[in-house]
Amino acid sequence: MKFKITKEMRKITQEKELNRQIESILGKKTILELTPIIIKKADLSDKICFFFDTDDNASPFDINMAYDAGFDIVVPISKMTADQVPKLVQDAIFSRKPKAPTTFFIGGSNVKEAEKIAKEVIKSLIPPFECPVIIDPRGSHTTASAIVALTLQVARIHGFLDLSGKKIICLGGTGPVGQIAALIASKINAKVIITSRREQFVKELAEKLTIKAGKGATKIIGEVADTDEQYLKIVKDADIIWSVGKAGVQILSNKIMNQLPPNKIIVDINLVPPYGIEGIKPKHDNNEIYPGIFGIGALALGRLKANVEGQILKEAAATKGLKIYDYNYAFNVAKTLLARE
């Protein structure tokens, strides 16, 4: 009796023979063992931070902070101006795939130009190539956030529930740090006065800052102060005094401080002697400097400022898509970090 060999039978026979040959070489394997395992590789794209600095030399402090926060590459671009932004930003984002780990950091001493740069960066980010933007010209946003957050923490130790309604004198408050600190304090309803030797300038700046603070914020006042008599008059009934002027310039002398009543908190960001307020030291952290007057020095502020900046940089490095890290965000980070201590 003859059997007709069909194509199907021939195919089965060939497959069996092929399996037999494979087994003779590899040994008997299960189907699972012979199935290739496909491993999906993680995105290994470098984390790049483009650092736009308005100064002649990009800040080594911020460059170091970015590397320590986990960026693989930091590209410093100095003498940055707003008109250069569109081309540089779009060259940076279009050369990478969408959602690549790219961050733009805006720094420098020229706060006005830095603000223009930040607006242009955000405007130049085209979907789906959007990415995080950090705004911290010369550390003003993170430093100011540390000032307000630490003041609030110390104030609560001394019985203040918050800073609402408290009179805050911001000495030398026309600089980058003073302006941002005044904005934050205004938004939490403190009574803020910024001082300067230039009367018209400080009054006009206070009006602009009040508008910038927005609806619901308290009005920021500008006052001229250039003599001991003027300073004494302004700070005498203050609840809080912030010295945020130029490094190495004393604003309040021991003579003035000894005439002040108690129940005050003083803050000095100056790390270069003579300090802004005589008697305070950089290491002070809620120390009683004068009877009933407690101080916070530059080192205590500096630690928190650095931690805030580091936290923001780490978050930005891990963030995909557009996210703005400005003084509002920095202030919340500062409060969160203090609450964990």
C-alpha atoms as a PDB file:
ATOM      1  CA  MET A   1       0.000   0.000   0.000  1.00  0.00           C
ATOM      2  CA  LYS A   2       1.496   3.298  -1.031  1.00  0.00           C
ATOM      3  CA  PHE A   3       1.110   6.548   0.837  1.00  0.00           C
ATOM      4  CA  LYS A   4       1.086   9.822  -0.971  1.00  0.00           C
ATOM      5  CA  ILE A   5       3.434  12.321   0.695  1.00  0.00           C
ATOM      6  CA  THR A   6       1.740  15.696   0.828  1.00  0.00           C
ATOM      7  CA  LYS A   7       3.433  19.108   1.093  1.00  0.00           C
ATOM      8  CA  GLU A   8       2.237  19.402   4.682  1.00  0.00           C
ATOM      9  CA  MET A   9       3.816  16.127   5.670  1.00  0.00           C
ATOM     10  CA  ARG A  10       7.072  17.048   3.939  1.00  0.00           C
ATOM     11  CA  LYS A  11       7.098  20.384   5.841  1.00  0.00           C
ATOM     12  CA  ILE A  12       6.580  18.615   9.199  1.00  0.00           C
ATOM     13  CA  THR A  13       9.361  16.170   8.409  1.00  0.00           C
ATOM     14  CA  GLN A  14      11.733  18.995   7.527  1.00  0.00           C
ATOM     15  CA  GLU A  15      10.904  20.864  10.740  1.00  0.00           C
ATOM     16  CA  LYS A  16      11.546  17.725  12.813  1.00  0.00           C
ATOM     17  CA  GLU A  17      14.885  17.205  11.110  1.00  0.00           C
ATOM     18  CA  LEU A  18      15.849  20.824  11.707  1.00  0.00           C
ATOM     19  CA  ASN A  19      14.920  20.544  15.410  1.00  0.00           C
ATOM     20  CA  ARG A  20      16.918  17.308  15.677  1.00  0.00           C
ATOM     21  CA  GLN A  21      19.991  19.024  14.241  1.00  0.00           C
ATOM     22  CA  ILE A  22      19.600  22.021  16.609  1.00  0.00           C
ATOM     23  CA  GLU A  23      19.273  19.678  19.609  1.00  0.00           C
ATOM     24  CA  SER A  24      22.370  17.790  18.557  1.00  0.00           C
ATOM     25  CA  ILE A  25      24.339  21.029  18.643  1.00  0.00           C
ATOM     26  CA  LEU A  26      22.746  22.905  21.613  1.00  0.00           C
ATOM     27  CA  GLY A  27      21.230  20.078  23.547  1.00  0.00           C
ATOM     28  CA  LYS A  28      17.516  19.823  24.185  1.00  0.00           C
ATOM     29  CA  LYS A  29      15.995  23.285  24.700  1.00  0.00           C
ATOM     30  CA  THR A  30      12.498  24.365  25.527  1.00  0.00           C
ATOM     31  CA  ILE A  31      10.611  26.755  23.276  1.00  0.00           C
ATOM     32  CA  LEU A  32      10.893  29.401  26.056  1.00  0.00           C
ATOM     33  CA  GLU A  33      14.644  28.988  26.209  1.00  0.00           C
ATOM     34  CA  LEU A  34      14.989  29.397  22.454  1.00  0.00           C
ATOM     35  CA  THR A  35      12.779  32.525  22.360  1.00  0.00           C
ATOM     36  CA  PRO A  36      14.903  35.684  22.187  1.00  0.00           C
ATOM     37  CA  ILE A  37      14.377  38.144  25.060  1.00  0.00           C
ATOM     38  CA  ILE A  38      14.033  41.740  23.865  1.00  0.00           C
ATOM     39  CA  ILE A  39      15.170  44.261  26.484  1.00  0.00           C
ATOM     40  CA  LYS A  40      13.913  47.799  26.060  1.00  0.00           C
ATOM     41  CA  LYS A  41      16.816  50.123  26.726  1.00  0.00           C
ATOM     42  CA  ALA A  42      16.328  53.138  28.963  1.00  0.00           C
ATOM     43  CA  ASP A  43      16.766  56.582  27.446  1.00  0.00           C
ATOM     44  CA  LEU A  44      20.463  57.256  27.935  1.00  0.00           C
ATOM     45  CA  SER A  45      20.418  60.754  26.427  1.00  0.00           C
ATOM     46  CA  ASP A  46      22.732  63.169  28.224  1.00  0.00           C
ATOM     47  CA  LYS A  47      21.133  65.646  30.607  1.00  0.00           C
ATOM     48  CA  ILE A  48      22.131  69.025  29.204  1.00  0.00           C
ATOM     49  CA  CYS A  49      21.789  72.394  30.968  1.00  0.00           C
ATOM     50  CA  PHE A  50      22.186  75.519  28.846  1.00  0.00           C
ATOM     51  CA  PHE A  51      23.226  78.296  31.232  1.00  0.00           C
ATOM     52  CA  PHE A  52      22.409  81.779  29.914  1.00  0.00           C
ATOM     53  CA  ASP A  53      24.295  84.392  31.965  1.00  0.00           C
ATOM     54  CA  THR A  54      24.092  88.154  31.348  1.00  0.00           C
ATOM     55  CA  ASP A  55      27.556  88.735  32.882  1.00  0.00           C
ATOM     56  CA  ASP A  56      30.941  88.740  31.149  1.00  0.00           C
ATOM     57  CA  ASN A  57      31.737  85.420  32.817  1.00  0.00           C
ATOM     58  CA  ALA A  58      29.149  82.755  33.566  1.00  0.00           C
ATOM     59  CA  SER A  59      28.895  82.047  37.303  1.00  0.00           C
ATOM     60  CA  PRO A  60      31.103  79.110  38.413  1.00  0.00           C
ATOM     61  CA  PHE A  61      28.801  78.708  41.435  1.00  0.00           C
ATOM     62  CA  ASP A  62      25.766  77.881  39.285  1.00  0.00           C
ATOM     63  CA  ILE A  63      27.826  75.737  36.897  1.00  0.00           C
ATOM     64  CA  ASN A  64      29.102  73.634  39.818  1.00  0.00           C
ATOM     65  CA  MET A  65      25.599  73.384  41.275  1.00  0.00           C
ATOM     66  CA  ALA A  66      24.235  72.073  37.974  1.00  0.00           C
ATOM     67  CA  TYR A  67      26.912  69.370  37.685  1.00  0.00           C
ATOM     68  CA  ASP A  68      26.439  68.345  41.325  1.00  0.00           C
ATOM     69  CA  ALA A  69      22.678  68.083  40.725  1.00  0.00           C
ATOM     70  CA  GLY A  70      23.226  65.431  38.059  1.00  0.00           C
ATOM     71  CA  PHE A  71      23.531  67.198  34.715  1.00  0.00           C
ATOM     72  CA  ASP A  72      25.953  65.450  32.364  1.00  0.00           C
ATOM     73  CA  ILE A  73      26.772  68.588  30.385  1.00  0.00           C
ATOM     74  CA  VAL A  74      26.527  72.267  31.328  1.00  0.00           C
ATOM     75  CA  VAL A  75      26.890  74.760  28.481  1.00  0.00           C
ATOM     76  CA  PRO A  76      27.655  78.268  29.816  1.00  0.00           C
ATOM     77  CA  ILE A  77      26.847  81.173  27.491  1.00  0.00           C
ATOM     78  CA  SER A  78      27.981  84.542  28.849  1.00  0.00           C
ATOM     79  CA  LYS A  79      27.074  88.103  27.798  1.00  0.00           C
ATOM     80  CA  MET A  80      23.620  86.775  27.003  1.00  0.00           C
ATOM     81  CA  THR A  81      20.912  89.107  25.707  1.00  0.00           C
ATOM     82  CA  ALA A  82      17.250  88.527  24.929  1.00  0.00           C
ATOM     83  CA  ASP A  83      17.686  89.058  21.171  1.00  0.00           C
ATOM     84  CA  GLN A  84      19.988  86.012  20.967  1.00  0.00           C
ATOM     85  CA  VAL A  85      17.465  83.668  22.565  1.00  0.00           C
ATOM     86  CA  PRO A  86      15.252  82.356  19.702  1.00  0.00           C
ATOM     87  CA  LYS A  87      18.106  81.046  17.544  1.00  0.00           C
ATOM     88  CA  LEU A  88      20.081  79.510  20.427  1.00  0.00           C
ATOM     89  CA  VAL A  89      17.050  77.891  22.062  1.00  0.00           C
ATOM     90  CA  GLN A  90      15.659  76.442  18.862  1.00  0.00           C
ATOM     91  CA  ASP A  91      19.085  75.162  17.770  1.00  0.00           C
ATOM     92  CA  ALA A  92      19.309  73.441  21.153  1.00  0.00           C
ATOM     93  CA  ILE A  93      15.871  71.829  21.143  1.00  0.00           C
ATOM     94  CA  PHE A  94      15.514  70.887  17.456  1.00  0.00           C
ATOM     95  CA  SER A  95      18.835  69.031  17.490  1.00  0.00           C
ATOM     96  CA  ARG A  96      17.435  66.626  20.101  1.00  0.00           C
ATOM     97  CA  LYS A  97      14.388  64.399  20.123  1.00  0.00           C
ATOM     98  CA  PRO A  98      11.195  65.680  21.808  1.00  0.00           C
ATOM     99  CA  LYS A  99      11.239  65.384  25.627  1.00  0.00           C
ATOM    100  CA  ALA A 100      15.024  64.964  25.672  1.00  0.00           C
ATOM    101  CA  PRO A 101      16.472  65.983  29.062  1.00  0.00           C
ATOM    102  CA  THR A 102      17.300  69.596  28.213  1.00  0.00           C
ATOM    103  CA  THR A 103      17.051  72.502  30.699  1.00  0.00           C
ATOM    104  CA  PHE A 104      17.563  76.250  30.328  1.00  0.00           C
ATOM    105  CA  PHE A 105      18.952  78.174  33.329  1.00  0.00           C
ATOM    106  CA  ILE A 106      18.803  81.986  33.286  1.00  0.00           C
ATOM    107  CA  GLY A 107      21.305  83.832  35.494  1.00  0.00           C
ATOM    108  CA  GLY A 108      23.401  86.988  35.666  1.00  0.00           C
ATOM    109  CA  SER A 109      23.490  90.319  37.479  1.00  0.00           C
ATOM    110  CA  ASN A 110      21.294  92.172  34.998  1.00  0.00           C
ATOM    111  CA  VAL A 111      17.893  91.287  36.419  1.00  0.00           C
ATOM    112  CA  LYS A 112      15.890  93.246  33.833  1.00  0.00           C
ATOM    113  CA  GLU A 113      17.666  91.562  30.943  1.00  0.00           C
ATOM    114  CA  ALA A 114      17.383  88.166  32.655  1.00  0.00           C
ATOM    115  CA  GLU A 115      13.620  88.614  32.889  1.00  0.00           C
ATOM    116  CA  LYS A 116      13.479  89.437  29.166  1.00  0.00           C
ATOM    117  CA  ILE A 117      15.638  86.407  28.412  1.00  0.00           C
ATOM    118  CA  ALA A 118      13.331  84.157  30.450  1.00  0.00           C
ATOM    119  CA  LYS A 119      10.253  85.393  28.568  1.00  0.00           C
ATOM    120  CA  GLU A 120      11.975  84.842  25.231  1.00  0.00           C
ATOM    121  CA  VAL A 121      13.116  81.334  26.211  1.00  0.00           C
ATOM    122  CA  ILE A 122       9.583  80.307  27.147  1.00  0.00           C
ATOM    123  CA  LYS A 123       8.199  81.863  23.957  1.00  0.00           C
ATOM    124  CA  SER A 124      10.820  80.068  21.827  1.00  0.00           C
ATOM    125  CA  LEU A 125       9.966  76.576  23.099  1.00  0.00           C
ATOM    126  CA  ILE A 126       7.907  74.913  20.368  1.00  0.00           C
ATOM    127  CA  PRO A 127       5.742  71.830  21.184  1.00  0.00           C
ATOM    128  CA  PRO A 128       6.632  68.986  21.447  1.00  0.00           C
ATOM    129  CA  PHE A 129      10.185  70.213  22.156  1.00  0.00           C
ATOM    130  CA  GLU A 130       9.303  72.029  25.390  1.00  0.00           C
ATOM    131  CA  CYS A 131      11.527  71.685  28.461  1.00  0.00           C
ATOM    132  CA  PRO A 132      12.151  73.108  31.977  1.00  0.00           C
ATOM    133  CA  VAL A 133      13.244  76.724  32.537  1.00  0.00           C
ATOM    134  CA  ILE A 134      15.006  77.877  35.732  1.00  0.00           C
ATOM    135  CA  ILE A 135      15.016  81.624  36.490  1.00  0.00           C
ATOM    136  CA  ASP A 136      17.538  82.706  39.132  1.00  0.00           C
ATOM    137  CA  PRO A 137      19.511  85.810  38.080  1.00  0.00           C
ATOM    138  CA  ARG A 138      22.572  86.019  40.327  1.00  0.00           C
ATOM    139  CA  GLY A 139      20.866  83.727  42.825  1.00  0.00           C
ATOM    140  CA  SER A 140      18.209  86.347  43.596  1.00  0.00           C
ATOM    141  CA  HIS A 141      15.214  84.004  43.454  1.00  0.00           C
ATOM    142  CA  THR A 142      16.718  81.248  45.599  1.00  0.00           C
ATOM    143  CA  THR A 143      18.398  83.663  48.052  1.00  0.00           C
ATOM    144  CA  ALA A 144      15.240  85.743  48.519  1.00  0.00           C
ATOM    145  CA  SER A 145      13.223  82.559  49.026  1.00  0.00           C
ATOM    146  CA  ALA A 146      15.658  81.453  51.736  1.00  0.00           C
ATOM    147  CA  ILE A 147      15.399  84.851  53.466  1.00  0.00           C
ATOM    148  CA  VAL A 148      11.611  84.815  53.647  1.00  0.00           C
ATOM    149  CA  ALA A 149      11.330  81.112  54.546  1.00  0.00           C
ATOM    150  CA  LEU A 150      13.935  81.326  57.357  1.00  0.00           C
ATOM    151  CA  THR A 151      12.369  84.541  58.671  1.00  0.00           C
ATOM    152  CA  LEU A 152       9.005  82.814  58.778  1.00  0.00           C
ATOM    153  CA  GLN A 153      10.476  79.823  60.620  1.00  0.00           C
ATOM    154  CA  VAL A 154      12.188  81.993  63.267  1.00  0.00           C
ATOM    155  CA  ALA A 155       9.113  84.209  63.578  1.00  0.00           C
ATOM    156  CA  ARG A 156       7.003  81.183  64.478  1.00  0.00           C
ATOM    157  CA  ILE A 157       9.509  80.206  67.168  1.00  0.00           C
ATOM    158  CA  HIS A 158       8.933  83.638  68.707  1.00  0.00           C
ATOM    159  CA  GLY A 159       5.154  83.453  68.598  1.00  0.00           C
ATOM    160  CA  PHE A 160       4.270  84.869  65.172  1.00  0.00           C
ATOM    161  CA  LEU A 161       1.771  82.686  63.317  1.00  0.00           C
ATOM    162  CA  ASP A 162       2.879  84.139  59.982  1.00  0.00           C
ATOM    163  CA  LEU A 163       4.212  87.385  58.484  1.00  0.00           C
ATOM    164  CA  SER A 164       0.826  88.823  57.552  1.00  0.00           C
ATOM    165  CA  GLY A 165       0.604  92.414  58.764  1.00  0.00           C
ATOM    166  CA  LYS A 166       4.198  92.414  60.030  1.00  0.00           C
ATOM    167  CA  LYS A 167       6.348  95.430  59.145  1.00  0.00           C
ATOM    168  CA  ILE A 168       9.436  94.393  57.203  1.00  0.00           C
ATOM    169  CA  ILE A 169      12.189  96.891  56.399  1.00  0.00           C
ATOM    170  CA  CYS A 170      14.296  95.768  53.435  1.00  0.00           C
ATOM    171  CA  LEU A 171      17.529  97.766  53.670  1.00  0.00           C
ATOM    172  CA  GLY A 172      19.205  98.161  50.286  1.00  0.00           C
ATOM    173  CA  GLY A 173      16.105  96.556  48.827  1.00  0.00           C
ATOM    174  CA  THR A 174      16.523  97.940  45.312  1.00  0.00           C
ATOM    175  CA  GLY A 175      18.996  95.197  44.372  1.00  0.00           C
ATOM    176  CA  PRO A 176      18.073  91.798  42.840  1.00  0.00           C
ATOM    177  CA  VAL A 177      17.659  89.955  46.158  1.00  0.00           C
ATOM    178  CA  GLY A 178      15.793  92.796  47.842  1.00  0.00           C
ATOM    179  CA  GLN A 179      13.314  93.132  45.001  1.00  0.00           C
ATOM    180  CA  ILE A 180      12.432  89.435  44.960  1.00  0.00           C
ATOM    181  CA  ALA A 181      12.260  89.220  48.773  1.00  0.00           C
ATOM    182  CA  ALA A 182       9.913  92.218  48.782  1.00  0.00           C
ATOM    183  CA  LEU A 183       7.708  90.559  46.151  1.00  0.00           C
ATOM    184  CA  ILE A 184       7.424  87.306  48.126  1.00  0.00           C
ATOM    185  CA  ALA A 185       6.718  89.153  51.403  1.00  0.00           C
ATOM    186  CA  SER A 186       4.105  91.306  49.696  1.00  0.00           C
ATOM    187  CA  LYS A 187       2.352  88.206  48.380  1.00  0.00           C
ATOM    188  CA  ILE A 188       2.068  86.797  51.905  1.00  0.00           C
ATOM    189  CA  ASN A 189       0.644  90.152  53.044  1.00  0.00           C
ATOM    190  CA  ALA A 190       3.535  91.606  55.011  1.00  0.00           C
ATOM    191  CA  LYS A 191       3.960  95.388  55.103  1.00  0.00           C
ATOM    192  CA  VAL A 192       7.162  95.821  53.109  1.00  0.00           C
ATOM    193  CA  ILE A 193       9.331  98.939  52.896  1.00  0.00           C
ATOM    194  CA  ILE A 194      12.387  98.979  50.629  1.00  0.00           C
ATOM    195  CA  THR A 195      15.036 101.650  51.198  1.00  0.00           C
ATOM    196  CA  SER A 196      17.539 103.471  49.021  1.00  0.00           C
ATOM    197  CA  ARG A 197      19.576 106.654  48.998  1.00  0.00           C
ATOM    198  CA  ARG A 198      17.736 107.696  45.800  1.00  0.00           C
ATOM    199  CA  GLU A 199      14.241 108.855  46.733  1.00  0.00           C
ATOM    200  CA  GLN A 200      12.552 109.079  43.334  1.00  0.00           C
ATOM    201  CA  PHE A 201      14.109 105.821  42.147  1.00  0.00           C
ATOM    202  CA  VAL A 202      13.028 103.811  45.196  1.00  0.00           C
ATOM    203  CA  LYS A 203       9.470 105.165  45.113  1.00  0.00           C
ATOM    204  CA  GLU A 204       9.064 104.371  41.407  1.00  0.00           C
ATOM    205  CA  LEU A 205      10.550 100.910  41.890  1.00  0.00           C
ATOM    206  CA  ALA A 206       8.180 100.205  44.800  1.00  0.00           C
ATOM    207  CA  GLU A 207       5.217 101.062  42.581  1.00  0.00           C
ATOM    208  CA  LYS A 208       6.454  98.733  39.823  1.00  0.00           C
ATOM    209  CA  LEU A 209       7.031  95.911  42.308  1.00  0.00           C
ATOM    210  CA  THR A 210       3.533  96.352  43.753  1.00  0.00           C
ATOM    211  CA  ILE A 211       2.044  95.969  40.282  1.00  0.00           C
ATOM    212  CA  LYS A 212       4.235  92.930  39.654  1.00  0.00           C
ATOM    213  CA  ALA A 213       3.167  91.330  42.958  1.00  0.00           C
ATOM    214  CA  GLY A 214      -0.373  91.291  41.613  1.00  0.00           C
ATOM    215  CA  LYS A 215      -3.860  91.207  42.996  1.00  0.00           C
ATOM    216  CA  GLY A 216      -4.183  90.385  46.686  1.00  0.00           C
ATOM    217  CA  ALA A 217      -0.637  91.437  47.563  1.00  0.00           C
ATOM    218  CA  THR A 218       0.055  94.321  49.951  1.00  0.00           C
ATOM    219  CA  LYS A 219       1.486  97.587  48.649  1.00  0.00           C
ATOM    220  CA  ILE A 220       5.276  97.864  48.683  1.00  0.00           C
ATOM    221  CA  ILE A 221       6.544 101.225  49.956  1.00  0.00           C
ATOM    222  CA  GLY A 222       9.760 102.962  48.919  1.00  0.00           C
ATOM    223  CA  GLU A 223      11.565 105.182  51.462  1.00  0.00           C
ATOM    224  CA  VAL A 224      14.747 107.208  51.231  1.00  0.00           C
ATOM    225  CA  ALA A 225      17.372 106.524  53.912  1.00  0.00           C
ATOM    226  CA  ASP A 226      20.930 107.825  53.965  1.00  0.00           C
ATOM    227  CA  THR A 227      21.669 108.962  57.517  1.00  0.00           C
ATOM    228  CA  ASP A 228      21.608 107.303  60.935  1.00  0.00           C
ATOM    229  CA  GLU A 229      18.622 109.465  61.875  1.00  0.00           C
ATOM    230  CA  GLN A 230      16.651 108.339  58.816  1.00  0.00           C
ATOM    231  CA  TYR A 231      17.527 104.682  59.356  1.00  0.00           C
ATOM    232  CA  LEU A 232      16.582 104.827  63.034  1.00  0.00           C
ATOM    233  CA  LYS A 233      13.234 106.403  62.248  1.00  0.00           C
ATOM    234  CA  ILE A 234      12.422 103.713  59.647  1.00  0.00           C
ATOM    235  CA  VAL A 235      13.531 100.619  61.595  1.00  0.00           C
ATOM    236  CA  LYS A 236      12.421 101.594  65.104  1.00  0.00           C
ATOM    237  CA  ASP A 237       8.907 100.141  64.868  1.00  0.00           C
ATOM    238  CA  ALA A 238       9.762  97.318  62.437  1.00  0.00           C
ATOM    239  CA  ASP A 239       9.028  93.712  63.305  1.00  0.00           C
ATOM    240  CA  ILE A 240      11.659  92.415  60.888  1.00  0.00           C
ATOM    241  CA  ILE A 241      14.773  93.994  59.346  1.00  0.00           C
ATOM    242  CA  TRP A 242      16.449  92.548  56.271  1.00  0.00           C
ATOM    243  CA  SER A 243      19.891  93.849  55.295  1.00  0.00           C
ATOM    244  CA  VAL A 244      20.338  92.951  51.609  1.00  0.00           C
ATOM    245  CA  GLY A 245      22.659  95.730  50.411  1.00  0.00           C
ATOM    246  CA  LYS A 246      26.101  95.536  48.854  1.00  0.00           C
ATOM    247  CA  ALA A 247      28.747  93.302  50.401  1.00  0.00           C
ATOM    248  CA  GLY A 248      31.106  94.994  52.843  1.00  0.00           C
ATOM    249  CA  VAL A 249      28.827  97.976  53.526  1.00  0.00           C
ATOM    250  CA  GLN A 250      27.497  98.567  57.042  1.00  0.00           C
ATOM    251  CA  ILE A 251      23.992 100.041  57.113  1.00  0.00           C
ATOM    252  CA  LEU A 252      22.956  99.838  60.776  1.00  0.00           C
ATOM    253  CA  SER A 253      25.588 100.607  63.411  1.00  0.00           C
ATOM    254  CA  ASN A 254      25.784  99.377  66.984  1.00  0.00           C
ATOM    255  CA  LYS A 255      24.632 102.866  68.032  1.00  0.00           C
ATOM    256  CA  ILE A 256      21.356 102.494  66.115  1.00  0.00           C
ATOM    257  CA  MET A 257      20.790  98.885  67.172  1.00  0.00           C
ATOM    258  CA  ASN A 258      21.117  99.731  70.880  1.00  0.00           C
ATOM    259  CA  GLN A 259      18.289 102.236  70.523  1.00  0.00           C
ATOM    260  CA  LEU A 260      15.805  99.728  69.151  1.00  0.00           C
ATOM    261  CA  PRO A 261      13.057  98.157  71.259  1.00  0.00           C
ATOM    262  CA  PRO A 262      12.954  94.317  71.538  1.00  0.00           C
ATOM    263  CA  ASN A 263      10.786  91.775  69.709  1.00  0.00           C
ATOM    264  CA  LYS A 264      12.545  92.011  66.365  1.00  0.00           C
ATOM    265  CA  ILE A 265      14.115  89.605  63.891  1.00  0.00           C
ATOM    266  CA  ILE A 266      17.113  90.774  61.867  1.00  0.00           C
ATOM    267  CA  VAL A 267      18.590  89.127  58.778  1.00  0.00           C
ATOM    268  CA  ASP A 268      21.889  89.943  57.059  1.00  0.00           C
ATOM    269  CA  ILE A 269      22.949  88.318  53.774  1.00  0.00           C
ATOM    270  CA  ASN A 270      26.419  89.872  53.919  1.00  0.00           C
ATOM    271  CA  LEU A 271      29.332  87.446  54.209  1.00  0.00           C
ATOM    272  CA  VAL A 272      32.002  90.118  53.745  1.00  0.00           C
ATOM    273  CA  PRO A 273      32.883  92.303  56.777  1.00  0.00           C
ATOM    274  CA  PRO A 274      31.859  94.848  57.804  1.00  0.00           C
ATOM    275  CA  TYR A 275      28.448  93.223  57.848  1.00  0.00           C
ATOM    276  CA  GLY A 276      25.282  95.136  57.009  1.00  0.00           C
ATOM    277  CA  ILE A 277      24.107  95.126  60.630  1.00  0.00           C
ATOM    278  CA  GLU A 278      26.769  95.576  63.288  1.00  0.00           C
ATOM    279  CA  GLY A 279      26.791  92.773  65.845  1.00  0.00           C
ATOM    280  CA  ILE A 280      25.434  90.024  63.638  1.00  0.00           C
ATOM    281  CA  LYS A 281      27.744  87.221  62.492  1.00  0.00           C
ATOM    282  CA  PRO A 282      27.386  84.931  59.446  1.00  0.00           C
ATOM    283  CA  LYS A 283      27.056  81.854  61.708  1.00  0.00           C
ATOM    284  CA  HIS A 284      24.103  83.259  63.681  1.00  0.00           C
ATOM    285  CA  ASP A 285      20.883  81.283  63.376  1.00  0.00           C
ATOM    286  CA  ASN A 286      18.166  82.638  65.673  1.00  0.00           C
ATOM    287  CA  ASN A 287      20.800  83.975  68.088  1.00  0.00           C
ATOM    288  CA  GLU A 288      19.963  86.868  70.403  1.00  0.00           C
ATOM    289  CA  ILE A 289      22.187  89.696  69.122  1.00  0.00           C
ATOM    290  CA  TYR A 290      20.716  92.511  71.220  1.00  0.00           C
ATOM    291  CA  PRO A 291      18.138  92.229  74.051  1.00  0.00           C
ATOM    292  CA  GLY A 292      15.026  90.714  72.474  1.00  0.00           C
ATOM    293  CA  ILE A 293      16.479  91.019  68.943  1.00  0.00           C
ATOM    294  CA  PHE A 294      17.277  87.735  67.205  1.00  0.00           C
ATOM    295  CA  GLY A 295      19.485  87.391  64.129  1.00  0.00           C
ATOM    296  CA  ILE A 296      20.002  85.190  61.101  1.00  0.00           C
ATOM    297  CA  GLY A 297      23.389  85.404  59.375  1.00  0.00           C
ATOM    298  CA  ALA A 298      24.694  84.760  55.883  1.00  0.00           C
ATOM    299  CA  LEU A 299      25.870  81.172  56.447  1.00  0.00           C
ATOM    300  CA  ALA A 300      22.459  79.990  57.665  1.00  0.00           C
ATOM    301  CA  LEU A 301      20.874  81.653  54.653  1.00  0.00           C
ATOM    302  CA  GLY A 302      23.533  80.299  52.322  1.00  0.00           C
ATOM    303  CA  ARG A 303      22.957  76.697  53.345  1.00  0.00           C
ATOM    304  CA  LEU A 304      19.240  76.928  52.632  1.00  0.00           C
ATOM    305  CA  LYS A 305      19.778  78.871  49.402  1.00  0.00           C
ATOM    306  CA  ALA A 306      22.184  76.210  48.094  1.00  0.00           C
ATOM    307  CA  ASN A 307      19.803  73.403  49.078  1.00  0.00           C
ATOM    308  CA  VAL A 308      16.904  75.132  47.322  1.00  0.00           C
ATOM    309  CA  GLU A 309      18.913  75.630  44.127  1.00  0.00           C
ATOM    310  CA  GLY A 310      20.194  72.053  44.254  1.00  0.00           C
ATOM    311  CA  GLN A 311      16.687  70.667  44.694  1.00  0.00           C
ATOM    312  CA  ILE A 312      15.350  72.729  41.782  1.00  0.00           C
ATOM    313  CA  LEU A 313      18.203  71.635  39.505  1.00  0.00           C
ATOM    314  CA  LYS A 314      17.616  67.965  40.386  1.00  0.00           C
ATOM    315  CA  GLU A 315      13.914  68.275  39.667  1.00  0.00           C
ATOM    316  CA  ALA A 316      14.549  70.057  36.375  1.00  0.00           C
ATOM    317  CA  ALA A 317      17.040  67.392  35.271  1.00  0.00           C
ATOM    318  CA  ALA A 318      14.341  64.739  35.771  1.00  0.00           C
ATOM    319  CA  THR A 319      11.472  66.755  34.263  1.00  0.00           C
ATOM    320  CA  LYS A 320      10.094  66.335  30.754  1.00  0.00           C
ATOM    321  CA  GLY A 321       8.129  69.130  29.138  1.00  0.00           C
ATOM    322  CA  LEU A 322       7.714  72.767  30.116  1.00  0.00           C
ATOM    323  CA  LYS A 323       7.962  73.706  33.793  1.00  0.00           C
ATOM    324  CA  ILE A 324       8.888  77.137  35.175  1.00  0.00           C
ATOM    325  CA  TYR A 325      11.133  77.297  38.244  1.00  0.00           C
ATOM    326  CA  ASP A 326      10.990  80.897  39.530  1.00  0.00           C
ATOM    327  CA  TYR A 327      10.846  82.600  42.957  1.00  0.00           C
ATOM    328  CA  ASN A 328       7.309  81.319  43.589  1.00  0.00           C
ATOM    329  CA  TYR A 329       8.482  77.741  43.137  1.00  0.00           C
ATOM    330  CA  ALA A 330      11.736  78.377  45.030  1.00  0.00           C
ATOM    331  CA  PHE A 331       9.854  79.755  48.045  1.00  0.00           C
ATOM    332  CA  ASN A 332       7.700  76.625  48.263  1.00  0.00           C
ATOM    333  CA  VAL A 333      10.835  74.453  48.007  1.00  0.00           C
ATOM    334  CA  ALA A 334      12.503  76.457  50.812  1.00  0.00           C
ATOM    335  CA  LYS A 335       9.488  76.024  53.113  1.00  0.00           C
ATOM    336  CA  THR A 336       9.317  72.302  52.347  1.00  0.00           C
ATOM    337  CA  LEU A 337      13.020  71.776  53.070  1.00  0.00           C
ATOM    338  CA  LEU A 338      12.744  73.610  56.414  1.00  0.00           C
ATOM    339  CA  ALA A 339       9.671  71.618  57.378  1.00  0.00           C
ATOM    340  CA  ARG A 340      11.659  68.393  56.932  1.00  0.00           C
ATOM    341  CA  GLU A 341      14.372  69.452  59.375  1.00  0.00           C
END
